[in-house]
PDB file of N, CA and C in Angstrom:
ATOM      1  N   MET A   1     -82.888-133.624  46.971  1.00  0.00           N
ATOM      2  CA  MET A   1     -83.135-135.213  47.296  1.00  0.00           C
ATOM      3  C   MET A   1     -82.534-135.086  48.679  1.00  0.00           C
ATOM      4  N   SER A   2     -81.762-134.254  49.625  1.00  0.00           N
ATOM      5  CA  SER A   2     -82.115-134.441  50.435  1.00  0.00           C
ATOM      6  C   SER A   2     -83.404-134.179  51.962  1.00  0.00           C
ATOM      7  N   GLN A   3     -84.277-133.406  51.292  1.00  0.00           N
ATOM      8  CA  GLN A   3     -85.399-133.382  51.903  1.00  0.00           C
ATOM      9  C   GLN A   3     -86.509-134.257  51.425  1.00  0.00           C
ATOM     10  N   GLN A   4     -86.134-134.881  50.645  1.00  0.00           N
ATOM     11  CA  GLN A   4     -86.939-135.993  50.308  1.00  0.00           C
ATOM     12  C   GLN A   4     -86.865-137.021  50.683  1.00  0.00           C
ATOM     13  N   ALA A   5     -85.525-137.596  51.259  1.00  0.00           N
ATOM     14  CA  ALA A   5     -84.824-138.134  52.229  1.00  0.00           C
ATOM     15  C   ALA A   5     -85.058-137.929  53.600  1.00  0.00           C
ATOM     16  N   GLY A   6     -85.667-137.017  53.977  1.00  0.00           N
ATOM     17  CA  GLY A   6     -85.945-136.801  55.368  1.00  0.00           C
ATOM     18  C   GLY A   6     -84.651-136.092  56.146  1.00  0.00           C
ATOM     19  N   PHE A   7     -83.832-135.808  55.774  1.00  0.00           N
ATOM     20  CA  PHE A   7     -82.640-134.705  55.828  1.00  0.00           C
ATOM     21  C   PHE A   7     -82.940-133.294  56.477  1.00  0.00           C
ATOM     22  N   THR A   8     -84.004-132.774  57.017  1.00  0.00           N
ATOM     23  CA  THR A   8     -84.288-131.362  57.173  1.00  0.00           C
ATOM     24  C   THR A   8     -83.709-131.000  58.256  1.00  0.00           C
ATOM     25  N   SER A   9     -83.187-131.153  58.952  1.00  0.00           N
ATOM     26  CA  SER A   9     -82.246-130.367  60.685  1.00  0.00           C
ATOM     27  C   SER A   9     -81.208-129.263  59.833  1.00  0.00           C
ATOM     28  N   ALA A  10     -81.275-128.093  60.215  1.00  0.00           N
ATOM     29  CA  ALA A  10     -79.945-127.527  60.120  1.00  0.00           C
ATOM     30  C   ALA A  10     -79.368-127.252  61.311  1.00  0.00           C
ATOM     31  N   GLY A  11     -78.031-127.132  61.164  1.00  0.00           N
ATOM     32  CA  GLY A  11     -76.903-127.508  61.961  1.00  0.00           C
ATOM     33  C   GLY A  11     -75.609-127.042  61.832  1.00  0.00           C
ATOM     34  N   TYR A  12     -74.442-127.295  62.683  1.00  0.00           N
ATOM     35  CA  TYR A  12     -72.880-127.764  61.998  1.00  0.00           C
ATOM     36  C   TYR A  12     -73.029-128.847  62.448  1.00  0.00           C
ATOM     37  N   GLY A  13     -72.810-129.744  61.917  1.00  0.00           N
ATOM     38  CA  GLY A  13     -72.234-131.126  61.838  1.00  0.00           C
ATOM     39  C   GLY A  13     -70.959-131.155  62.132  1.00  0.00           C
ATOM     40  N   HIS A  14     -70.620-131.550  62.820  1.00  0.00           N
ATOM     41  CA  HIS A  14     -68.768-131.910  63.243  1.00  0.00           C
ATOM     42  C   HIS A  14     -68.449-133.699  63.146  1.00  0.00           C
ATOM     43  N   ALA A  15     -69.258-134.500  63.112  1.00  0.00           N
ATOM     44  CA  ALA A  15     -68.961-135.843  63.023  1.00  0.00           C
ATOM     45  C   ALA A  15     -70.207-136.413  62.326  1.00  0.00           C
ATOM     46  N   ALA A  16     -70.406-137.703  61.354  1.00  0.00           N
ATOM     47  CA  ALA A  16     -71.134-138.097  61.058  1.00  0.00           C
ATOM     48  C   ALA A  16     -70.670-139.666  61.213  1.00  0.00           C
ATOM     49  N   THR A  17     -71.705-140.921  61.963  1.00  0.00           N
ATOM     50  CA  THR A  17     -71.180-142.269  61.776  1.00  0.00           C
ATOM     51  C   THR A  17     -72.550-142.756  61.047  1.00  0.00           C
ATOM     52  N   ILE A  18     -71.833-143.560  60.043  1.00  0.00           N
ATOM     53  CA  ILE A  18     -73.063-144.640  59.648  1.00  0.00           C
ATOM     54  C   ILE A  18     -73.143-145.630  59.958  1.00  0.00           C
ATOM     55  N   CYS A  19     -74.023-145.981  60.761  1.00  0.00           N
ATOM     56  CA  CYS A  19     -74.123-147.869  61.180  1.00  0.00           C
ATOM     57  C   CYS A  19     -75.412-148.363  61.606  1.00  0.00           C
ATOM     58  N   ASP A  20     -75.690-148.872  61.941  1.00  0.00           N
ATOM     59  CA  ASP A  20     -77.085-149.466  62.742  1.00  0.00           C
ATOM     60  C   ASP A  20     -77.220-149.744  64.062  1.00  0.00           C
ATOM     61  N   ILE A  21     -77.822-148.177  64.155  1.00  0.00           N
ATOM     62  CA  ILE A  21     -77.957-148.372  65.234  1.00  0.00           C
ATOM     63  C   ILE A  21     -79.201-149.146  66.241  1.00  0.00           C
ATOM     64  N   ASN A  22     -79.940-149.797  65.389  1.00  0.00           N
ATOM     65  CA  ASN A  22     -81.248-150.276  66.447  1.00  0.00           C
ATOM     66  C   ASN A  22     -81.462-151.793  65.805  1.00  0.00           C
ATOM     67  N   ASN A  23     -80.112-152.647  65.401  1.00  0.00           N
ATOM     68  CA  ASN A  23     -79.776-153.895  64.995  1.00  0.00           C
ATOM     69  C   ASN A  23     -81.226-154.137  63.995  1.00  0.00           C
ATOM     70  N   ASP A  24     -81.079-153.509  63.206  1.00  0.00           N
ATOM     71  CA  ASP A  24     -82.522-153.998  61.528  1.00  0.00           C
ATOM     72  C   ASP A  24     -82.022-154.559  61.091  1.00  0.00           C
ATOM     73  N   GLY A  25     -80.822-154.380  60.820  1.00  0.00           N
ATOM     74  CA  GLY A  25     -80.311-154.840  59.439  1.00  0.00           C
ATOM     75  C   GLY A  25     -80.144-153.556  58.006  1.00  0.00           C
ATOM     76  N   TRP A  26     -80.742-152.293  58.829  1.00  0.00           N
ATOM     77  CA  TRP A  26     -80.222-150.875  57.849  1.00  0.00           C
ATOM     78  C   TRP A  26     -79.731-150.194  58.356  1.00  0.00           C
ATOM     79  N   LYS A  27     -78.723-149.304  57.382  1.00  0.00           N
ATOM     80  CA  LYS A  27     -77.479-148.529  58.083  1.00  0.00           C
ATOM     81  C   LYS A  27     -78.709-147.213  58.596  1.00  0.00           C
ATOM     82  N   ASP A  28     -78.181-146.709  59.507  1.00  0.00           N
ATOM     83  CA  ASP A  28     -79.059-145.169  60.052  1.00  0.00           C
ATOM     84  C   ASP A  28     -77.820-144.420  60.266  1.00  0.00           C
ATOM     85  N   ILE A  29     -78.039-142.784  60.856  1.00  0.00           N
ATOM     86  CA  ILE A  29     -76.816-142.274  60.302  1.00  0.00           C
ATOM     87  C   ILE A  29     -77.136-141.327  61.897  1.00  0.00           C
ATOM     88  N   TYR A  30     -75.863-140.935  62.665  1.00  0.00           N
ATOM     89  CA  TYR A  30     -75.894-140.782  63.789  1.00  0.00           C
ATOM     90  C   TYR A  30     -75.289-139.194  63.624  1.00  0.00           C
ATOM     91  N   VAL A  31     -75.648-138.072  63.970  1.00  0.00           N
ATOM     92  CA  VAL A  31     -74.447-136.884  63.474  1.00  0.00           C
ATOM     93  C   VAL A  31     -74.497-136.115  65.081  1.00  0.00           C
ATOM     94  N   SER A  32     -73.422-135.614  64.952  1.00  0.00           N
ATOM     95  CA  SER A  32     -72.971-134.440  66.241  1.00  0.00           C
ATOM     96  C   SER A  32     -72.907-133.261  65.607  1.00  0.00           C
ATOM     97  N   ASP A  33     -73.762-132.591  66.170  1.00  0.00           N
ATOM     98  CA  ASP A  33     -74.278-131.176  65.741  1.00  0.00           C
ATOM     99  C   ASP A  33     -73.694-130.017  66.736  1.00  0.00           C
ATOM    100  N   ASP A  34     -73.651-129.015  66.534  1.00  0.00           N
ATOM    101  CA  ASP A  34     -73.166-127.726  66.898  1.00  0.00           C
ATOM    102  C   ASP A  34     -73.925-126.610  67.025  1.00  0.00           C
ATOM    103  N   PHE A  35     -74.549-126.062  67.772  1.00  0.00           N
ATOM    104  CA  PHE A  35     -74.783-124.898  68.380  1.00  0.00           C
ATOM    105  C   PHE A  35     -76.825-124.473  67.723  1.00  0.00           C
ATOM    106  N   ILE A  36     -77.118-125.053  66.844  1.00  0.00           N
ATOM    107  CA  ILE A  36     -78.245-124.870  66.020  1.00  0.00           C
ATOM    108  C   ILE A  36     -79.341-126.010  66.728  1.00  0.00           C
ATOM    109  N   SER A  37     -79.188-127.055  66.525  1.00  0.00           N
ATOM    110  CA  SER A  37     -79.521-128.393  66.862  1.00  0.00           C
ATOM    111  C   SER A  37     -78.772-128.893  67.944  1.00  0.00           C
ATOM    112  N   SER A  38     -79.958-129.924  68.194  1.00  0.00           N
ATOM    113  CA  SER A  38     -79.399-131.020  68.992  1.00  0.00           C
ATOM    114  C   SER A  38     -78.697-132.478  68.159  1.00  0.00           C
ATOM    115  N   ASN A  39     -77.986-132.788  68.652  1.00  0.00           N
ATOM    116  CA  ASN A  39     -77.277-134.086  67.427  1.00  0.00           C
ATOM    117  C   ASN A  39     -78.922-135.003  66.665  1.00  0.00           C
ATOM    118  N   ILE A  40     -78.642-135.386  66.035  1.00  0.00           N
ATOM    119  CA  ILE A  40     -79.397-135.910  65.100  1.00  0.00           C
ATOM    120  C   ILE A  40     -78.921-137.737  64.964  1.00  0.00           C
ATOM    121  N   LEU A  41     -80.157-138.487  65.155  1.00  0.00           N
ATOM    122  CA  LEU A  41     -80.101-139.986  64.807  1.00  0.00           C
ATOM    123  C   LEU A  41     -81.253-140.339  63.680  1.00  0.00           C
ATOM    124  N   TYR A  42     -81.010-140.198  62.653  1.00  0.00           N
ATOM    125  CA  TYR A  42     -81.597-140.640  61.389  1.00  0.00           C
ATOM    126  C   TYR A  42     -81.693-141.897  61.191  1.00  0.00           C
ATOM    127  N   ILE A  43     -82.744-142.453  61.865  1.00  0.00           N
ATOM    128  CA  ILE A  43     -82.924-143.917  61.622  1.00  0.00           C
ATOM    129  C   ILE A  43     -83.851-144.370  60.401  1.00  0.00           C
ATOM    130  N   ASN A  44     -83.298-145.410  59.641  1.00  0.00           N
ATOM    131  CA  ASN A  44     -83.524-145.315  58.438  1.00  0.00           C
ATOM    132  C   ASN A  44     -85.308-146.623  58.399  1.00  0.00           C
ATOM    133  N   ASN A  45     -85.954-145.727  57.554  1.00  0.00           N
ATOM    134  CA  ASN A  45     -87.126-146.042  57.498  1.00  0.00           C
ATOM    135  C   ASN A  45     -87.766-147.299  56.445  1.00  0.00           C
ATOM    136  N   HIS A  46     -86.201-147.728  55.617  1.00  0.00           N
ATOM    137  CA  HIS A  46     -86.450-148.591  54.950  1.00  0.00           C
ATOM    138  C   HIS A  46     -86.969-148.585  53.669  1.00  0.00           C
ATOM    139  N   ASP A  47     -87.143-147.459  53.185  1.00  0.00           N
ATOM    140  CA  ASP A  47     -87.910-147.065  51.577  1.00  0.00           C
ATOM    141  C   ASP A  47     -87.091-145.589  51.183  1.00  0.00           C
ATOM    142  N   GLY A  48     -86.110-145.487  51.456  1.00  0.00           N
ATOM    143  CA  GLY A  48     -85.177-144.559  51.002  1.00  0.00           C
ATOM    144  C   GLY A  48     -84.883-143.414  51.760  1.00  0.00           C
ATOM    145  N   THR A  49     -86.287-143.354  52.736  1.00  0.00           N
ATOM    146  CA  THR A  49     -85.984-142.087  53.820  1.00  0.00           C
ATOM    147  C   THR A  49     -85.374-142.351  55.051  1.00  0.00           C
ATOM    148  N   PHE A  50     -85.291-141.424  56.043  1.00  0.00           N
ATOM    149  CA  PHE A  50     -84.976-141.103  57.162  1.00  0.00           C
ATOM    150  C   PHE A  50     -85.728-140.589  57.931  1.00  0.00           C
ATOM    151  N   THR A  51     -85.764-140.683  59.414  1.00  0.00           N
ATOM    152  CA  THR A  51     -86.521-139.837  60.297  1.00  0.00           C
ATOM    153  C   THR A  51     -85.717-139.570  61.515  1.00  0.00           C
ATOM    154  N   ASN A  52     -85.256-138.483  61.972  1.00  0.00           N
ATOM    155  CA  ASN A  52     -84.900-137.878  63.063  1.00  0.00           C
ATOM    156  C   ASN A  52     -85.613-138.530  64.407  1.00  0.00           C
ATOM    157  N   ARG A  53     -85.009-139.684  65.087  1.00  0.00           N
ATOM    158  CA  ARG A  53     -85.496-140.215  66.205  1.00  0.00           C
ATOM    159  C   ARG A  53     -84.358-140.177  67.491  1.00  0.00           C
ATOM    160  N   SER A  54     -83.388-138.846  67.467  1.00  0.00           N
ATOM    161  CA  SER A  54     -82.632-138.913  68.639  1.00  0.00           C
ATOM    162  C   SER A  54     -83.695-138.749  70.462  1.00  0.00           C
ATOM    163  N   LYS A  55     -84.694-138.266  69.973  1.00  0.00           N
ATOM    164  CA  LYS A  55     -85.383-138.073  71.556  1.00  0.00           C
ATOM    165  C   LYS A  55     -85.988-139.658  72.090  1.00  0.00           C
ATOM    166  N   GLU A  56     -85.837-140.632  70.793  1.00  0.00           N
ATOM    167  CA  GLU A  56     -86.577-141.601  71.267  1.00  0.00           C
ATOM    168  C   GLU A  56     -85.894-142.520  71.563  1.00  0.00           C
ATOM    169  N   TYR A  57     -84.134-142.460  71.241  1.00  0.00           N
ATOM    170  CA  TYR A  57     -83.118-143.273  71.479  1.00  0.00           C
ATOM    171  C   TYR A  57     -82.182-142.886  72.513  1.00  0.00           C
ATOM    172  N   PHE A  58     -82.303-141.713  72.826  1.00  0.00           N
ATOM    173  CA  PHE A  58     -81.351-141.010  73.584  1.00  0.00           C
ATOM    174  C   PHE A  58     -81.669-139.943  74.475  1.00  0.00           C
ATOM    175  N   LYS A  59     -81.531-140.223  75.769  1.00  0.00           N
ATOM    176  CA  LYS A  59     -82.167-139.011  77.118  1.00  0.00           C
ATOM    177  C   LYS A  59     -81.284-138.353  76.844  1.00  0.00           C
ATOM    178  N   HIS A  60     -80.316-137.991  76.457  1.00  0.00           N
ATOM    179  CA  HIS A  60     -79.678-136.765  76.441  1.00  0.00           C
ATOM    180  C   HIS A  60     -78.334-136.842  75.225  1.00  0.00           C
ATOM    181  N   THR A  61     -78.523-135.435  74.838  1.00  0.00           N
ATOM    182  CA  THR A  61     -77.250-135.469  73.739  1.00  0.00           C
ATOM    183  C   THR A  61     -76.491-134.485  74.144  1.00  0.00           C
ATOM    184  N   SER A  62     -75.197-134.112  73.473  1.00  0.00           N
ATOM    185  CA  SER A  62     -74.772-133.027  73.858  1.00  0.00           C
ATOM    186  C   SER A  62     -75.124-132.284  73.159  1.00  0.00           C
ATOM    187  N   LEU A  63     -75.173-130.854  73.506  1.00  0.00           N
ATOM    188  CA  LEU A  63     -75.154-129.265  73.234  1.00  0.00           C
ATOM    189  C   LEU A  63     -74.245-128.463  72.320  1.00  0.00           C
ATOM    190  N   ASN A  64     -73.103-128.957  72.344  1.00  0.00           N
ATOM    191  CA  ASN A  64     -72.019-128.678  71.714  1.00  0.00           C
ATOM    192  C   ASN A  64     -71.155-129.529  71.189  1.00  0.00           C
ATOM    193  N   ALA A  65     -71.726-130.784  70.591  1.00  0.00           N
ATOM    194  CA  ALA A  65     -70.610-131.491  69.622  1.00  0.00           C
ATOM    195  C   ALA A  65     -69.664-131.241  69.430  1.00  0.00           C
ATOM    196  N   MET A  66     -68.192-132.038  69.469  1.00  0.00           N
ATOM    197  CA  MET A  66     -67.366-131.568  68.362  1.00  0.00           C
ATOM    198  C   MET A  66     -67.030-132.914  67.673  1.00  0.00           C
ATOM    199  N   GLY A  67     -67.403-133.795  68.086  1.00  0.00           N
ATOM    200  CA  GLY A  67     -66.897-135.320  67.401  1.00  0.00           C
ATOM    201  C   GLY A  67     -67.390-136.380  68.365  1.00  0.00           C
ATOM    202  N   GLN A  68     -67.262-137.511  67.661  1.00  0.00           N
ATOM    203  CA  GLN A  68     -68.007-138.769  68.082  1.00  0.00           C
ATOM    204  C   GLN A  68     -67.571-140.140  67.142  1.00  0.00           C
ATOM    205  N   ASP A  69     -68.091-141.302  68.010  1.00  0.00           N
ATOM    206  CA  ASP A  69     -67.639-142.199  67.339  1.00  0.00           C
ATOM    207  C   ASP A  69     -68.804-143.584  67.528  1.00  0.00           C
ATOM    208  N   VAL A  70     -69.330-144.139  66.916  1.00  0.00           N
ATOM    209  CA  VAL A  70     -70.461-145.388  67.496  1.00  0.00           C
ATOM    210  C   VAL A  70     -69.570-146.696  67.418  1.00  0.00           C
ATOM    211  N   VAL A  71     -69.621-147.325  68.491  1.00  0.00           N
ATOM    212  CA  VAL A  71     -68.818-148.673  68.707  1.00  0.00           C
ATOM    213  C   VAL A  71     -69.437-149.358  69.762  1.00  0.00           C
ATOM    214  N   ASP A  72     -68.683-150.563  69.588  1.00  0.00           N
ATOM    215  CA  ASP A  72     -69.120-151.445  70.539  1.00  0.00           C
ATOM    216  C   ASP A  72     -68.030-151.739  71.574  1.00  0.00           C
ATOM    217  N   ILE A  73     -68.435-150.421  72.298  1.00  0.00           N
ATOM    218  CA  ILE A  73     -67.268-150.501  73.487  1.00  0.00           C
ATOM    219  C   ILE A  73     -67.030-151.291  74.374  1.00  0.00           C
ATOM    220  N   ASN A  74     -68.014-152.155  75.166  1.00  0.00           N
ATOM    221  CA  ASN A  74     -68.361-153.109  76.023  1.00  0.00           C
ATOM    222  C   ASN A  74     -68.306-154.491  75.781  1.00  0.00           C
ATOM    223  N   ASN A  75     -68.469-154.860  74.573  1.00  0.00           N
ATOM    224  CA  ASN A  75     -68.517-156.144  74.009  1.00  0.00           C
ATOM    225  C   ASN A  75     -70.191-156.706  74.048  1.00  0.00           C
ATOM    226  N   ASP A  76     -70.702-155.770  74.273  1.00  0.00           N
ATOM    227  CA  ASP A  76     -71.766-156.621  74.311  1.00  0.00           C
ATOM    228  C   ASP A  76     -72.745-156.815  72.968  1.00  0.00           C
ATOM    229  N   GLY A  77     -72.181-156.883  71.941  1.00  0.00           N
ATOM    230  CA  GLY A  77     -73.269-156.416  70.422  1.00  0.00           C
ATOM    231  C   GLY A  77     -73.780-155.472  70.250  1.00  0.00           C
ATOM    232  N   LEU A  78     -74.034-154.524  70.874  1.00  0.00           N
ATOM    233  CA  LEU A  78     -74.568-153.684  70.533  1.00  0.00           C
ATOM    234  C   LEU A  78     -74.087-152.290  70.528  1.00  0.00           C
ATOM    235  N   PRO A  79     -74.291-151.122  69.688  1.00  0.00           N
ATOM    236  CA  PRO A  79     -73.696-150.171  69.160  1.00  0.00           C
ATOM    237  C   PRO A  79     -73.883-149.119  70.141  1.00  0.00           C
ATOM    238  N   ASP A  80     -72.531-148.406  70.925  1.00  0.00           N
ATOM    239  CA  ASP A  80     -72.350-147.296  72.236  1.00  0.00           C
ATOM    240  C   ASP A  80     -71.591-146.294  71.516  1.00  0.00           C
ATOM    241  N   VAL A  81     -72.279-145.139  71.847  1.00  0.00           N
ATOM    242  CA  VAL A  81     -72.445-143.702  70.914  1.00  0.00           C
ATOM    243  C   VAL A  81     -71.024-142.924  72.257  1.00  0.00           C
ATOM    244  N   VAL A  82     -70.034-142.627  71.329  1.00  0.00           N
ATOM    245  CA  VAL A  82     -69.176-142.281  72.508  1.00  0.00           C
ATOM    246  C   VAL A  82     -68.986-140.628  71.633  1.00  0.00           C
ATOM    247  N   GLU A  83     -68.686-139.555  72.558  1.00  0.00           N
ATOM    248  CA  GLU A  83     -68.832-138.024  71.966  1.00  0.00           C
ATOM    249  C   GLU A  83     -68.328-137.347  73.280  1.00  0.00           C
ATOM    250  N   LEU A  84     -67.563-136.159  72.156  1.00  0.00           N
ATOM    251  CA  LEU A  84     -66.839-135.412  72.827  1.00  0.00           C
ATOM    252  C   LEU A  84     -67.603-133.946  72.832  1.00  0.00           C
ATOM    253  N   ASP A  85     -67.666-133.029  74.099  1.00  0.00           N
ATOM    254  CA  ASP A  85     -68.680-131.837  74.324  1.00  0.00           C
ATOM    255  C   ASP A  85     -67.643-130.748  74.197  1.00  0.00           C
ATOM    256  N   MET A  86     -68.013-129.551  74.036  1.00  0.00           N
ATOM    257  CA  MET A  86     -66.691-128.554  74.548  1.00  0.00           C
ATOM    258  C   MET A  86     -67.733-127.463  75.289  1.00  0.00           C
ATOM    259  N   ASN A  87     -69.037-127.734  75.585  1.00  0.00           N
ATOM    260  CA  ASN A  87     -69.916-127.273  76.192  1.00  0.00           C
ATOM    261  C   ASN A  87     -69.281-126.533  78.002  1.00  0.00           C
ATOM    262  N   PRO A  88     -69.093-125.493  77.916  1.00  0.00           N
ATOM    263  CA  PRO A  88     -68.271-125.114  79.441  1.00  0.00           C
ATOM    264  C   PRO A  88     -68.936-125.269  80.398  1.00  0.00           C
ATOM    265  N   PRO A  89     -68.210-125.163  81.633  1.00  0.00           N
ATOM    266  CA  PRO A  89     -69.564-125.618  83.011  1.00  0.00           C
ATOM    267  C   PRO A  89     -70.226-124.568  83.319  1.00  0.00           C
ATOM    268  N   THR A  90     -69.758-123.321  83.345  1.00  0.00           N
ATOM    269  CA  THR A  90     -70.684-121.969  83.352  1.00  0.00           C
ATOM    270  C   THR A  90     -70.886-121.709  82.038  1.00  0.00           C
ATOM    271  N   ILE A  91     -71.843-120.596  82.668  1.00  0.00           N
ATOM    272  CA  ILE A  91     -72.404-119.441  81.712  1.00  0.00           C
ATOM    273  C   ILE A  91     -71.441-118.369  81.528  1.00  0.00           C
ATOM    274  N   THR A  92     -70.601-117.967  82.364  1.00  0.00           N
ATOM    275  CA  THR A  92     -69.745-117.044  81.764  1.00  0.00           C
ATOM    276  C   THR A  92     -68.832-117.564  81.185  1.00  0.00           C
ATOM    277  N   GLU A  93     -68.197-118.722  80.749  1.00  0.00           N
ATOM    278  CA  GLU A  93     -67.253-118.929  80.453  1.00  0.00           C
ATOM    279  C   GLU A  93     -67.892-119.234  79.090  1.00  0.00           C
ATOM    280  N   LYS A  94     -69.121-118.908  78.876  1.00  0.00           N
ATOM    281  CA  LYS A  94     -69.509-119.113  77.184  1.00  0.00           C
ATOM    282  C   LYS A  94     -69.238-117.877  76.194  1.00  0.00           C
ATOM    283  N   LYS A  95     -68.775-116.829  76.868  1.00  0.00           N
ATOM    284  CA  LYS A  95     -68.607-115.307  76.228  1.00  0.00           C
ATOM    285  C   LYS A  95     -67.508-115.594  75.092  1.00  0.00           C
TER     286      LYS A  95
END
């Protein structure tokens, strides 16, 4: 069922938020992912399937996300993504 719906990315999901990211009246899913893949934004296709469109909606996502929430932080009526990243600042700290 997951593959039929378009959920095909592998990874270690640490958080997921269901909300209408693109304001089309349909619920989308944002997943914070760790290690294997970048974060995933599943946009609802209105037919029971979803497409990962994170690269179209975000210039950058965390590479080691530990959690997130989607809220309207600045009261402009649009969803804002707030995310935690534990990626160390230098390569030597990744050991």
